[in-house]
Each structure stands twice: as structure tokens, then as C-alpha cells.
Amino acid sequence: MSRRPNETEQEYQARLTMERQRSVAQERNSHVADADRERQKQLHWMRCPKCGAELSEVQFRDVKLDKCFACAGVFLDDGELEQLTGKPGWFDSMLRFFRN
């Protein structure tokens, strides 16, 4: 009889997977020349990772989020999710704010 992993085990495994992916990305990035890194930044800066359209910064509760008006995607920079989740009612407010 196999046992299903509980939520804590799943979170642990997900965290390990993410740490491995981060290490691989950092290793790969360490071999990229500064000129190539700058070229990539210029190509992708404020572009939607989903559809490639231009992103716009929108203010939502003291946090500037990146919004794609072409595909309706909303993207967060590092630490922004943590800033939002500490505020009561943040998820419902966000749904109302970004609903098409």
C-alpha cells in the first residue's frame, strides 16, 4: 500500500526542486558574458514573458506590479508577493482590481 505525501512533504520536495533549478540557473548565468547579459536585458526588459507585449507598471496597495494589457497577465518581482500577502483581503482585492 503506497502512502500519499502530505502537504508538508510536498512543500519540502517543491522547495528542493526549486533550489536545484536556482543552482542550475545561477551556474548557467555565471558563464554568460556581461555583454550577452546586457543584450538579453535590453531585449526582454519590461516585456511579457507570456506573449512578448510591453508590460506596464500599475500601483496596487503600495506595490508596483507589472501588468500586460495584451494577455491580461500580472507579474510580480521578487518580494512583491510577500508584501501583498501580509495585508488582509489582498486576494479578493487583487481579483477585483485585475478582473477584465
PDB file of N, CA and C in Angstrom:
ATOM      1  N   MET A   1       0.843  -1.163   0.000  1.00  0.00           N
ATOM      2  CA  MET A   1       0.000   0.000   0.000  1.00  0.00           C
ATOM      3  C   MET A   1       0.899   1.241   0.000  1.00  0.00           C
ATOM      4  N   SER A   2       0.667   2.142  -0.962  1.00  0.00           N
ATOM      5  CA  SER A   2       1.503   3.336  -1.012  1.00  0.00           C
ATOM      6  C   SER A   2       0.845   4.473  -0.245  1.00  0.00           C
ATOM      7  N   ARG A   3       1.680   5.262   0.345  1.00  0.00           N
ATOM      8  CA  ARG A   3       1.206   6.362   1.164  1.00  0.00           C
ATOM      9  C   ARG A   3       1.306   7.650   0.349  1.00  0.00           C
ATOM     10  N   ARG A   4       0.274   8.468   0.425  1.00  0.00           N
ATOM     11  CA  ARG A   4       0.290   9.758  -0.263  1.00  0.00           C
ATOM     12  C   ARG A   4       1.073  10.759   0.579  1.00  0.00           C
ATOM     13  N   PRO A   5       1.918  11.568  -0.069  1.00  0.00           N
ATOM     14  CA  PRO A   5       2.669  12.566   0.694  1.00  0.00           C
ATOM     15  C   PRO A   5       1.730  13.649   1.233  1.00  0.00           C
ATOM     16  N   ASN A   6       2.030  14.122   2.423  1.00  0.00           N
ATOM     17  CA  ASN A   6       1.203  15.190   2.968  1.00  0.00           C
ATOM     18  C   ASN A   6       1.688  16.536   2.423  1.00  0.00           C
ATOM     19  N   GLU A   7       0.986  17.588   2.794  1.00  0.00           N
ATOM     20  CA  GLU A   7       1.285  18.916   2.265  1.00  0.00           C
ATOM     21  C   GLU A   7       2.691  19.377   2.623  1.00  0.00           C
ATOM     22  N   THR A   8       3.136  19.080   3.834  1.00  0.00           N
ATOM     23  CA  THR A   8       4.475  19.477   4.267  1.00  0.00           C
ATOM     24  C   THR A   8       5.538  18.786   3.425  1.00  0.00           C
ATOM     25  N   GLU A   9       5.355  17.511   3.153  1.00  0.00           N
ATOM     26  CA  GLU A   9       6.314  16.779   2.316  1.00  0.00           C
ATOM     27  C   GLU A   9       6.318  17.326   0.892  1.00  0.00           C
ATOM     28  N   GLN A  10       5.152  17.653   0.373  1.00  0.00           N
ATOM     29  CA  GLN A  10       5.072  18.208  -0.974  1.00  0.00           C
ATOM     30  C   GLN A  10       5.765  19.565  -1.047  1.00  0.00           C
ATOM     31  N   GLU A  11       5.566  20.396  -0.033  1.00  0.00           N
ATOM     32  CA  GLU A  11       6.240  21.689   0.005  1.00  0.00           C
ATOM     33  C   GLU A  11       7.756  21.507   0.084  1.00  0.00           C
ATOM     34  N   TYR A  12       8.209  20.545   0.883  1.00  0.00           N
ATOM     35  CA  TYR A  12       9.638  20.269   1.014  1.00  0.00           C
ATOM     36  C   TYR A  12      10.219  19.837  -0.335  1.00  0.00           C
ATOM     37  N   GLN A  13       9.543  18.922  -1.009  1.00  0.00           N
ATOM     38  CA  GLN A  13      10.015  18.446  -2.311  1.00  0.00           C
ATOM     39  C   GLN A  13      10.013  19.580  -3.335  1.00  0.00           C
ATOM     40  N   ALA A  14       8.973  20.407  -3.302  1.00  0.00           N
ATOM     41  CA  ALA A  14       8.908  21.544  -4.228  1.00  0.00           C
ATOM     42  C   ALA A  14      10.048  22.521  -3.954  1.00  0.00           C
ATOM     43  N   ARG A  15      10.359  22.750  -2.687  1.00  0.00           N
ATOM     44  CA  ARG A  15      11.443  23.649  -2.316  1.00  0.00           C
ATOM     45  C   ARG A  15      12.789  23.084  -2.794  1.00  0.00           C
ATOM     46  N   LEU A  16      13.000  21.767  -2.634  1.00  0.00           N
ATOM     47  CA  LEU A  16      14.240  21.143  -3.116  1.00  0.00           C
ATOM     48  C   LEU A  16      14.363  21.279  -4.629  1.00  0.00           C
ATOM     49  N   THR A  17      13.278  21.046  -5.332  1.00  0.00           N
ATOM     50  CA  THR A  17      13.286  21.167  -6.788  1.00  0.00           C
ATOM     51  C   THR A  17      13.620  22.591  -7.199  1.00  0.00           C
ATOM     52  N   MET A  18      13.008  23.553  -6.528  1.00  0.00           N
ATOM     53  CA  MET A  18      13.258  24.952  -6.845  1.00  0.00           C
ATOM     54  C   MET A  18      14.710  25.334  -6.547  1.00  0.00           C
ATOM     55  N   GLU A  19      15.263  24.838  -5.464  1.00  0.00           N
ATOM     56  CA  GLU A  19      16.663  25.122  -5.134  1.00  0.00           C
ATOM     57  C   GLU A  19      17.606  24.541  -6.190  1.00  0.00           C
ATOM     58  N   ARG A  20      17.299  23.327  -6.665  1.00  0.00           N
ATOM     59  CA  ARG A  20      18.110  22.728  -7.730  1.00  0.00           C
ATOM     60  C   ARG A  20      18.025  23.568  -9.005  1.00  0.00           C
ATOM     61  N   GLN A  21      16.809  23.996  -9.352  1.00  0.00           N
ATOM     62  CA  GLN A  21      16.630  24.818 -10.547  1.00  0.00           C
ATOM     63  C   GLN A  21      17.363  26.149 -10.409  1.00  0.00           C
ATOM     64  N   ARG A  22      17.325  26.749  -9.224  1.00  0.00           N
ATOM     65  CA  ARG A  22      18.027  28.008  -8.985  1.00  0.00           C
ATOM     66  C   ARG A  22      19.533  27.805  -9.157  1.00  0.00           C
ATOM     67  N   SER A  23      20.073  26.710  -8.621  1.00  0.00           N
ATOM     68  CA  SER A  23      21.508  26.428  -8.742  1.00  0.00           C
ATOM     69  C   SER A  23      21.913  26.255 -10.199  1.00  0.00           C
ATOM     70  N   VAL A  24      21.122  25.529 -10.961  1.00  0.00           N
ATOM     71  CA  VAL A  24      21.417  25.324 -12.381  1.00  0.00           C
ATOM     72  C   VAL A  24      21.383  26.660 -13.121  1.00  0.00           C
ATOM     73  N   ALA A  25      20.381  27.485 -12.835  1.00  0.00           N
ATOM     74  CA  ALA A  25      20.274  28.797 -13.495  1.00  0.00           C
ATOM     75  C   ALA A  25      21.451  29.689 -13.134  1.00  0.00           C
ATOM     76  N   GLN A  26      21.858  29.690 -11.868  1.00  0.00           N
ATOM     77  CA  GLN A  26      22.999  30.508 -11.454  1.00  0.00           C
ATOM     78  C   GLN A  26      24.290  30.030 -12.115  1.00  0.00           C
ATOM     79  N   GLU A  27      24.457  28.729 -12.209  1.00  0.00           N
ATOM     80  CA  GLU A  27      25.644  28.169 -12.870  1.00  0.00           C
ATOM     81  C   GLU A  27      25.658  28.552 -14.347  1.00  0.00           C
ATOM     82  N   ARG A  28      24.519  28.422 -15.006  1.00  0.00           N
ATOM     83  CA  ARG A  28      24.417  28.763 -16.422  1.00  0.00           C
ATOM     84  C   ARG A  28      24.672  30.267 -16.616  1.00  0.00           C
ATOM     85  N   ASN A  29      24.116  31.086 -15.727  1.00  0.00           N
ATOM     86  CA  ASN A  29      24.270  32.532 -15.826  1.00  0.00           C
ATOM     87  C   ASN A  29      25.700  32.975 -15.554  1.00  0.00           C
ATOM     88  N   SER A  30      26.427  32.228 -14.747  1.00  0.00           N
ATOM     89  CA  SER A  30      27.809  32.617 -14.436  1.00  0.00           C
ATOM     90  C   SER A  30      28.718  32.506 -15.661  1.00  0.00           C
ATOM     91  N   HIS A  31      28.303  31.721 -16.646  1.00  0.00           N
ATOM     92  CA  HIS A  31      29.105  31.543 -17.853  1.00  0.00           C
ATOM     93  C   HIS A  31      28.724  32.523 -18.960  1.00  0.00           C
ATOM     94  N   VAL A  32      27.696  33.299 -18.738  1.00  0.00           N
ATOM     95  CA  VAL A  32      27.257  34.261 -19.742  1.00  0.00           C
ATOM     96  C   VAL A  32      28.086  35.537 -19.593  1.00  0.00           C
ATOM     97  N   ALA A  33      28.611  36.000 -20.684  1.00  0.00           N
ATOM     98  CA  ALA A  33      29.430  37.213 -20.670  1.00  0.00           C
ATOM     99  C   ALA A  33      28.563  38.426 -20.339  1.00  0.00           C
ATOM    100  N   ASP A  34      29.193  39.447 -19.755  1.00  0.00           N
ATOM    101  CA  ASP A  34      28.465  40.665 -19.383  1.00  0.00           C
ATOM    102  C   ASP A  34      27.752  41.281 -20.585  1.00  0.00           C
ATOM    103  N   ALA A  35      28.394  41.277 -21.734  1.00  0.00           N
ATOM    104  CA  ALA A  35      27.794  41.866 -22.934  1.00  0.00           C
ATOM    105  C   ALA A  35      26.530  41.098 -23.330  1.00  0.00           C
ATOM    106  N   ASP A  36      26.593  39.780 -23.253  1.00  0.00           N
ATOM    107  CA  ASP A  36      25.416  38.964 -23.577  1.00  0.00           C
ATOM    108  C   ASP A  36      24.302  39.192 -22.569  1.00  0.00           C
ATOM    109  N   ARG A  37      24.673  39.315 -21.305  1.00  0.00           N
ATOM    110  CA  ARG A  37      23.681  39.556 -20.250  1.00  0.00           C
ATOM    111  C   ARG A  37      22.976  40.898 -20.486  1.00  0.00           C
ATOM    112  N   GLU A  38      23.728  41.914 -20.847  1.00  0.00           N
ATOM    113  CA  GLU A  38      23.159  43.239 -21.119  1.00  0.00           C
ATOM    114  C   GLU A  38      22.266  43.202 -22.360  1.00  0.00           C
ATOM    115  N   ARG A  39      22.689  42.470 -23.378  1.00  0.00           N
ATOM    116  CA  ARG A  39      21.880  42.339 -24.598  1.00  0.00           C
ATOM    117  C   ARG A  39      20.546  41.667 -24.291  1.00  0.00           C
ATOM    118  N   GLN A  40      20.580  40.601 -23.488  1.00  0.00           N
ATOM    119  CA  GLN A  40      19.345  39.913 -23.100  1.00  0.00           C
ATOM    120  C   GLN A  40      18.434  40.828 -22.292  1.00  0.00           C
ATOM    121  N   LYS A  41      19.020  41.607 -21.406  1.00  0.00           N
ATOM    122  CA  LYS A  41      18.218  42.539 -20.603  1.00  0.00           C
ATOM    123  C   LYS A  41      17.516  43.543 -21.507  1.00  0.00           C
ATOM    124  N   GLN A  42      18.250  44.089 -22.490  1.00  0.00           N
ATOM    125  CA  GLN A  42      17.647  45.057 -23.406  1.00  0.00           C
ATOM    126  C   GLN A  42      16.527  44.433 -24.234  1.00  0.00           C
ATOM    127  N   LEU A  43      16.685  43.185 -24.633  1.00  0.00           N
ATOM    128  CA  LEU A  43      15.661  42.503 -25.428  1.00  0.00           C
ATOM    129  C   LEU A  43      14.393  42.203 -24.627  1.00  0.00           C
ATOM    130  N   HIS A  44      14.548  41.893 -23.343  1.00  0.00           N
ATOM    131  CA  HIS A  44      13.430  41.388 -22.559  1.00  0.00           C
ATOM    132  C   HIS A  44      12.895  42.343 -21.500  1.00  0.00           C
ATOM    133  N   TRP A  45      13.550  43.473 -21.279  1.00  0.00           N
ATOM    134  CA  TRP A  45      13.162  44.387 -20.215  1.00  0.00           C
ATOM    135  C   TRP A  45      11.726  44.872 -20.405  1.00  0.00           C
ATOM    136  N   MET A  46      10.910  44.669 -19.380  1.00  0.00           N
ATOM    137  CA  MET A  46       9.502  45.073 -19.349  1.00  0.00           C
ATOM    138  C   MET A  46       8.702  44.500 -20.526  1.00  0.00           C
ATOM    139  N   ARG A  47       9.021  43.251 -20.883  1.00  0.00           N
ATOM    140  CA  ARG A  47       8.264  42.523 -21.900  1.00  0.00           C
ATOM    141  C   ARG A  47       7.571  41.362 -21.208  1.00  0.00           C
ATOM    142  N   CYS A  48       6.366  41.070 -21.640  1.00  0.00           N
ATOM    143  CA  CYS A  48       5.587  39.988 -21.053  1.00  0.00           C
ATOM    144  C   CYS A  48       6.252  38.643 -21.353  1.00  0.00           C
ATOM    145  N   PRO A  49       6.486  37.832 -20.323  1.00  0.00           N
ATOM    146  CA  PRO A  49       7.091  36.524 -20.569  1.00  0.00           C
ATOM    147  C   PRO A  49       6.122  35.556 -21.253  1.00  0.00           C
ATOM    148  N   LYS A  50       4.859  35.890 -21.250  1.00  0.00           N
ATOM    149  CA  LYS A  50       3.844  35.007 -21.822  1.00  0.00           C
ATOM    150  C   LYS A  50       3.619  35.299 -23.309  1.00  0.00           C
ATOM    151  N   CYS A  51       3.426  36.580 -23.657  1.00  0.00           N
ATOM    152  CA  CYS A  51       3.087  36.906 -25.046  1.00  0.00           C
ATOM    153  C   CYS A  51       4.081  37.850 -25.717  1.00  0.00           C
ATOM    154  N   GLY A  52       5.000  38.446 -24.954  1.00  0.00           N
ATOM    155  CA  GLY A  52       6.014  39.317 -25.520  1.00  0.00           C
ATOM    156  C   GLY A  52       5.619  40.779 -25.643  1.00  0.00           C
ATOM    157  N   ALA A  53       4.378  41.128 -25.299  1.00  0.00           N
ATOM    158  CA  ALA A  53       3.938  42.520 -25.381  1.00  0.00           C
ATOM    159  C   ALA A  53       4.610  43.344 -24.287  1.00  0.00           C
ATOM    160  N   GLU A  54       4.487  44.650 -24.393  1.00  0.00           N
ATOM    161  CA  GLU A  54       5.081  45.541 -23.407  1.00  0.00           C
ATOM    162  C   GLU A  54       4.304  45.479 -22.089  1.00  0.00           C
ATOM    163  N   LEU A  55       5.037  45.464 -20.973  1.00  0.00           N
ATOM    164  CA  LEU A  55       4.424  45.479 -19.647  1.00  0.00           C
ATOM    165  C   LEU A  55       4.274  46.914 -19.166  1.00  0.00           C
ATOM    166  N   SER A  56       3.235  47.152 -18.388  1.00  0.00           N
ATOM    167  CA  SER A  56       3.018  48.452 -17.759  1.00  0.00           C
ATOM    168  C   SER A  56       3.036  48.267 -16.255  1.00  0.00           C
ATOM    169  N   GLU A  57       3.642  49.217 -15.551  1.00  0.00           N
ATOM    170  CA  GLU A  57       3.625  49.171 -14.095  1.00  0.00           C
ATOM    171  C   GLU A  57       2.312  49.759 -13.609  1.00  0.00           C
ATOM    172  N   VAL A  58       1.641  49.031 -12.707  1.00  0.00           N
ATOM    173  CA  VAL A  58       0.411  49.525 -12.098  1.00  0.00           C
ATOM    174  C   VAL A  58       0.584  49.477 -10.585  1.00  0.00           C
ATOM    175  N   GLN A  59       0.070  50.482  -9.931  1.00  0.00           N
ATOM    176  CA  GLN A  59       0.160  50.567  -8.476  1.00  0.00           C
ATOM    177  C   GLN A  59      -1.017  49.811  -7.867  1.00  0.00           C
ATOM    178  N   PHE A  60      -0.728  48.873  -6.975  1.00  0.00           N
ATOM    179  CA  PHE A  60      -1.762  48.141  -6.251  1.00  0.00           C
ATOM    180  C   PHE A  60      -1.319  48.056  -4.804  1.00  0.00           C
ATOM    181  N   ARG A  61      -1.988  48.794  -3.920  1.00  0.00           N
ATOM    182  CA  ARG A  61      -1.675  48.764  -2.490  1.00  0.00           C
ATOM    183  C   ARG A  61      -0.192  48.961  -2.192  1.00  0.00           C
ATOM    184  N   ASP A  62       0.390  50.012  -2.518  1.00  0.00           N
ATOM    185  CA  ASP A  62       1.801  50.320  -2.234  1.00  0.00           C
ATOM    186  C   ASP A  62       2.799  49.424  -2.957  1.00  0.00           C
ATOM    187  N   VAL A  63       2.352  48.604  -3.880  1.00  0.00           N
ATOM    188  CA  VAL A  63       3.255  47.716  -4.615  1.00  0.00           C
ATOM    189  C   VAL A  63       3.068  47.978  -6.110  1.00  0.00           C
ATOM    190  N   LYS A  64       4.172  48.146  -6.825  1.00  0.00           N
ATOM    191  CA  LYS A  64       4.101  48.328  -8.276  1.00  0.00           C
ATOM    192  C   LYS A  64       4.210  46.960  -8.934  1.00  0.00           C
ATOM    193  N   LEU A  65       3.124  46.553  -9.583  1.00  0.00           N
ATOM    194  CA  LEU A  65       3.066  45.269 -10.266  1.00  0.00           C
ATOM    195  C   LEU A  65       3.223  45.495 -11.758  1.00  0.00           C
ATOM    196  N   ASP A  66       3.671  44.468 -12.474  1.00  0.00           N
ATOM    197  CA  ASP A  66       3.815  44.543 -13.923  1.00  0.00           C
ATOM    198  C   ASP A  66       2.591  43.890 -14.558  1.00  0.00           C
ATOM    199  N   LYS A  67       1.877  44.649 -15.397  1.00  0.00           N
ATOM    200  CA  LYS A  67       0.624  44.189 -16.000  1.00  0.00           C
ATOM    201  C   LYS A  67       0.764  44.196 -17.511  1.00  0.00           C
ATOM    202  N   CYS A  68       0.340  43.107 -18.139  1.00  0.00           N
ATOM    203  CA  CYS A  68       0.296  43.020 -19.594  1.00  0.00           C
ATOM    204  C   CYS A  68      -1.165  43.217 -20.003  1.00  0.00           C
ATOM    205  N   PHE A  69      -1.422  44.277 -20.731  1.00  0.00           N
ATOM    206  CA  PHE A  69      -2.788  44.544 -21.161  1.00  0.00           C
ATOM    207  C   PHE A  69      -3.143  43.756 -22.421  1.00  0.00           C
ATOM    208  N   ALA A  70      -2.164  43.101 -23.037  1.00  0.00           N
ATOM    209  CA  ALA A  70      -2.435  42.279 -24.214  1.00  0.00           C
ATOM    210  C   ALA A  70      -3.018  40.913 -23.829  1.00  0.00           C
ATOM    211  N   CYS A  71      -2.426  40.254 -22.831  1.00  0.00           N
ATOM    212  CA  CYS A  71      -2.896  38.910 -22.447  1.00  0.00           C
ATOM    213  C   CYS A  71      -3.486  38.878 -21.045  1.00  0.00           C
ATOM    214  N   ALA A  72      -3.520  40.035 -20.379  1.00  0.00           N
ATOM    215  CA  ALA A  72      -4.080  40.186 -19.022  1.00  0.00           C
ATOM    216  C   ALA A  72      -3.222  39.537 -17.941  1.00  0.00           C
ATOM    217  N   GLY A  73      -1.969  39.248 -18.226  1.00  0.00           N
ATOM    218  CA  GLY A  73      -1.078  38.675 -17.226  1.00  0.00           C
ATOM    219  C   GLY A  73      -0.652  39.715 -16.206  1.00  0.00           C
ATOM    220  N   VAL A  74      -0.427  39.257 -14.977  1.00  0.00           N
ATOM    221  CA  VAL A  74       0.083  40.107 -13.906  1.00  0.00           C
ATOM    222  C   VAL A  74       1.335  39.434 -13.368  1.00  0.00           C
ATOM    223  N   PHE A  75       2.431  40.188 -13.276  1.00  0.00           N
ATOM    224  CA  PHE A  75       3.705  39.600 -12.899  1.00  0.00           C
ATOM    225  C   PHE A  75       4.291  40.345 -11.711  1.00  0.00           C
ATOM    226  N   LEU A  76       4.877  39.595 -10.803  1.00  0.00           N
ATOM    227  CA  LEU A  76       5.431  40.134  -9.569  1.00  0.00           C
ATOM    228  C   LEU A  76       6.945  40.007  -9.562  1.00  0.00           C
ATOM    229  N   ASP A  77       7.607  41.038  -9.075  1.00  0.00           N
ATOM    230  CA  ASP A  77       9.049  40.975  -8.872  1.00  0.00           C
ATOM    231  C   ASP A  77       9.315  40.268  -7.543  1.00  0.00           C
ATOM    232  N   ASP A  78      10.568  39.929  -7.314  1.00  0.00           N
ATOM    233  CA  ASP A  78      10.959  39.237  -6.092  1.00  0.00           C
ATOM    234  C   ASP A  78      10.531  40.044  -4.863  1.00  0.00           C
ATOM    235  N   GLY A  79       9.821  39.404  -3.947  1.00  0.00           N
ATOM    236  CA  GLY A  79       9.406  40.023  -2.698  1.00  0.00           C
ATOM    237  C   GLY A  79       8.041  40.689  -2.735  1.00  0.00           C
ATOM    238  N   GLU A  80       7.492  40.915  -3.930  1.00  0.00           N
ATOM    239  CA  GLU A  80       6.207  41.600  -4.013  1.00  0.00           C
ATOM    240  C   GLU A  80       5.044  40.750  -3.531  1.00  0.00           C
ATOM    241  N   LEU A  81       5.073  39.466  -3.770  1.00  0.00           N
ATOM    242  CA  LEU A  81       4.005  38.597  -3.277  1.00  0.00           C
ATOM    243  C   LEU A  81       3.959  38.626  -1.758  1.00  0.00           C
ATOM    244  N   GLU A  82       5.122  38.587  -1.128  1.00  0.00           N
ATOM    245  CA  GLU A  82       5.179  38.640   0.327  1.00  0.00           C
ATOM    246  C   GLU A  82       4.628  39.962   0.855  1.00  0.00           C
ATOM    247  N   GLN A  83       4.883  41.064   0.142  1.00  0.00           N
ATOM    248  CA  GLN A  83       4.340  42.349   0.550  1.00  0.00           C
ATOM    249  C   GLN A  83       2.812  42.337   0.493  1.00  0.00           C
ATOM    250  N   LEU A  84       2.255  41.702  -0.518  1.00  0.00           N
ATOM    251  CA  LEU A  84       0.802  41.687  -0.683  1.00  0.00           C
ATOM    252  C   LEU A  84       0.112  40.735   0.283  1.00  0.00           C
ATOM    253  N   THR A  85       0.692  39.574   0.519  1.00  0.00           N
ATOM    254  CA  THR A  85       0.010  38.563   1.323  1.00  0.00           C
ATOM    255  C   THR A  85      -0.088  38.936   2.791  1.00  0.00           C
ATOM    256  N   GLY A  86       0.703  39.876   3.248  1.00  0.00           N
ATOM    257  CA  GLY A  86       0.642  40.286   4.641  1.00  0.00           C
ATOM    258  C   GLY A  86      -0.525  41.212   4.951  1.00  0.00           C
ATOM    259  N   LYS A  87      -1.304  41.553   3.929  1.00  0.00           N
ATOM    260  CA  LYS A  87      -2.399  42.501   4.116  1.00  0.00           C
ATOM    261  C   LYS A  87      -3.740  41.770   4.008  1.00  0.00           C
ATOM    262  N   PRO A  88      -4.638  41.963   4.976  1.00  0.00           N
ATOM    263  CA  PRO A  88      -5.933  41.285   4.953  1.00  0.00           C
ATOM    264  C   PRO A  88      -6.732  41.619   3.692  1.00  0.00           C
ATOM    265  N   GLY A  89      -7.392  40.606   3.136  1.00  0.00           N
ATOM    266  CA  GLY A  89      -8.248  40.788   1.972  1.00  0.00           C
ATOM    267  C   GLY A  89      -7.513  41.043   0.677  1.00  0.00           C
ATOM    268  N   TRP A  90      -6.213  40.786   0.648  1.00  0.00           N
ATOM    269  CA  TRP A  90      -5.407  41.125  -0.519  1.00  0.00           C
ATOM    270  C   TRP A  90      -5.846  40.360  -1.763  1.00  0.00           C
ATOM    271  N   PHE A  91      -6.203  39.085  -1.606  1.00  0.00           N
ATOM    272  CA  PHE A  91      -6.503  38.277  -2.781  1.00  0.00           C
ATOM    273  C   PHE A  91      -7.802  38.734  -3.442  1.00  0.00           C
ATOM    274  N   ASP A  92      -8.852  38.933  -2.658  1.00  0.00           N
ATOM    275  CA  ASP A  92     -10.126  39.398  -3.212  1.00  0.00           C
ATOM    276  C   ASP A  92      -9.971  40.777  -3.848  1.00  0.00           C
ATOM    277  N   SER A  93      -9.208  41.649  -3.202  1.00  0.00           N
ATOM    278  CA  SER A  93      -8.958  42.980  -3.759  1.00  0.00           C
ATOM    279  C   SER A  93      -8.222  42.883  -5.084  1.00  0.00           C
ATOM    280  N   MET A  94      -7.255  41.996  -5.147  1.00  0.00           N
ATOM    281  CA  MET A  94      -6.480  41.829  -6.368  1.00  0.00           C
ATOM    282  C   MET A  94      -7.363  41.298  -7.498  1.00  0.00           C
ATOM    283  N   LEU A  95      -8.227  40.350  -7.190  1.00  0.00           N
ATOM    284  CA  LEU A  95      -9.143  39.830  -8.213  1.00  0.00           C
ATOM    285  C   LEU A  95     -10.038  40.930  -8.766  1.00  0.00           C
ATOM    286  N   ARG A  96     -10.591  41.745  -7.873  1.00  0.00           N
ATOM    287  CA  ARG A  96     -11.458  42.832  -8.328  1.00  0.00           C
ATOM    288  C   ARG A  96     -10.663  43.855  -9.154  1.00  0.00           C
ATOM    289  N   PHE A  97      -9.457  44.156  -8.718  1.00  0.00           N
ATOM    290  CA  PHE A  97      -8.629  45.157  -9.387  1.00  0.00           C
ATOM    291  C   PHE A  97      -8.244  44.735 -10.802  1.00  0.00           C
ATOM    292  N   PHE A  98      -7.882  43.458 -10.979  1.00  0.00           N
ATOM    293  CA  PHE A  98      -7.362  42.985 -12.263  1.00  0.00           C
ATOM    294  C   PHE A  98      -8.368  42.246 -13.133  1.00  0.00           C
ATOM    295  N   ARG A  99      -9.575  42.092 -12.670  1.00  0.00           N
ATOM    296  CA  ARG A  99     -10.578  41.378 -13.473  1.00  0.00           C
ATOM    297  C   ARG A  99     -10.802  42.140 -14.767  1.00  0.00           C
ATOM    298  N   ASN A 100     -10.861  41.401 -15.852  1.00  0.00           N
ATOM    299  CA  ASN A 100     -11.050  42.029 -17.194  1.00  0.00           C
ATOM    300  C   ASN A 100     -12.403  42.640 -17.332  1.00  0.00           C
TER     301      ASN A 100
END
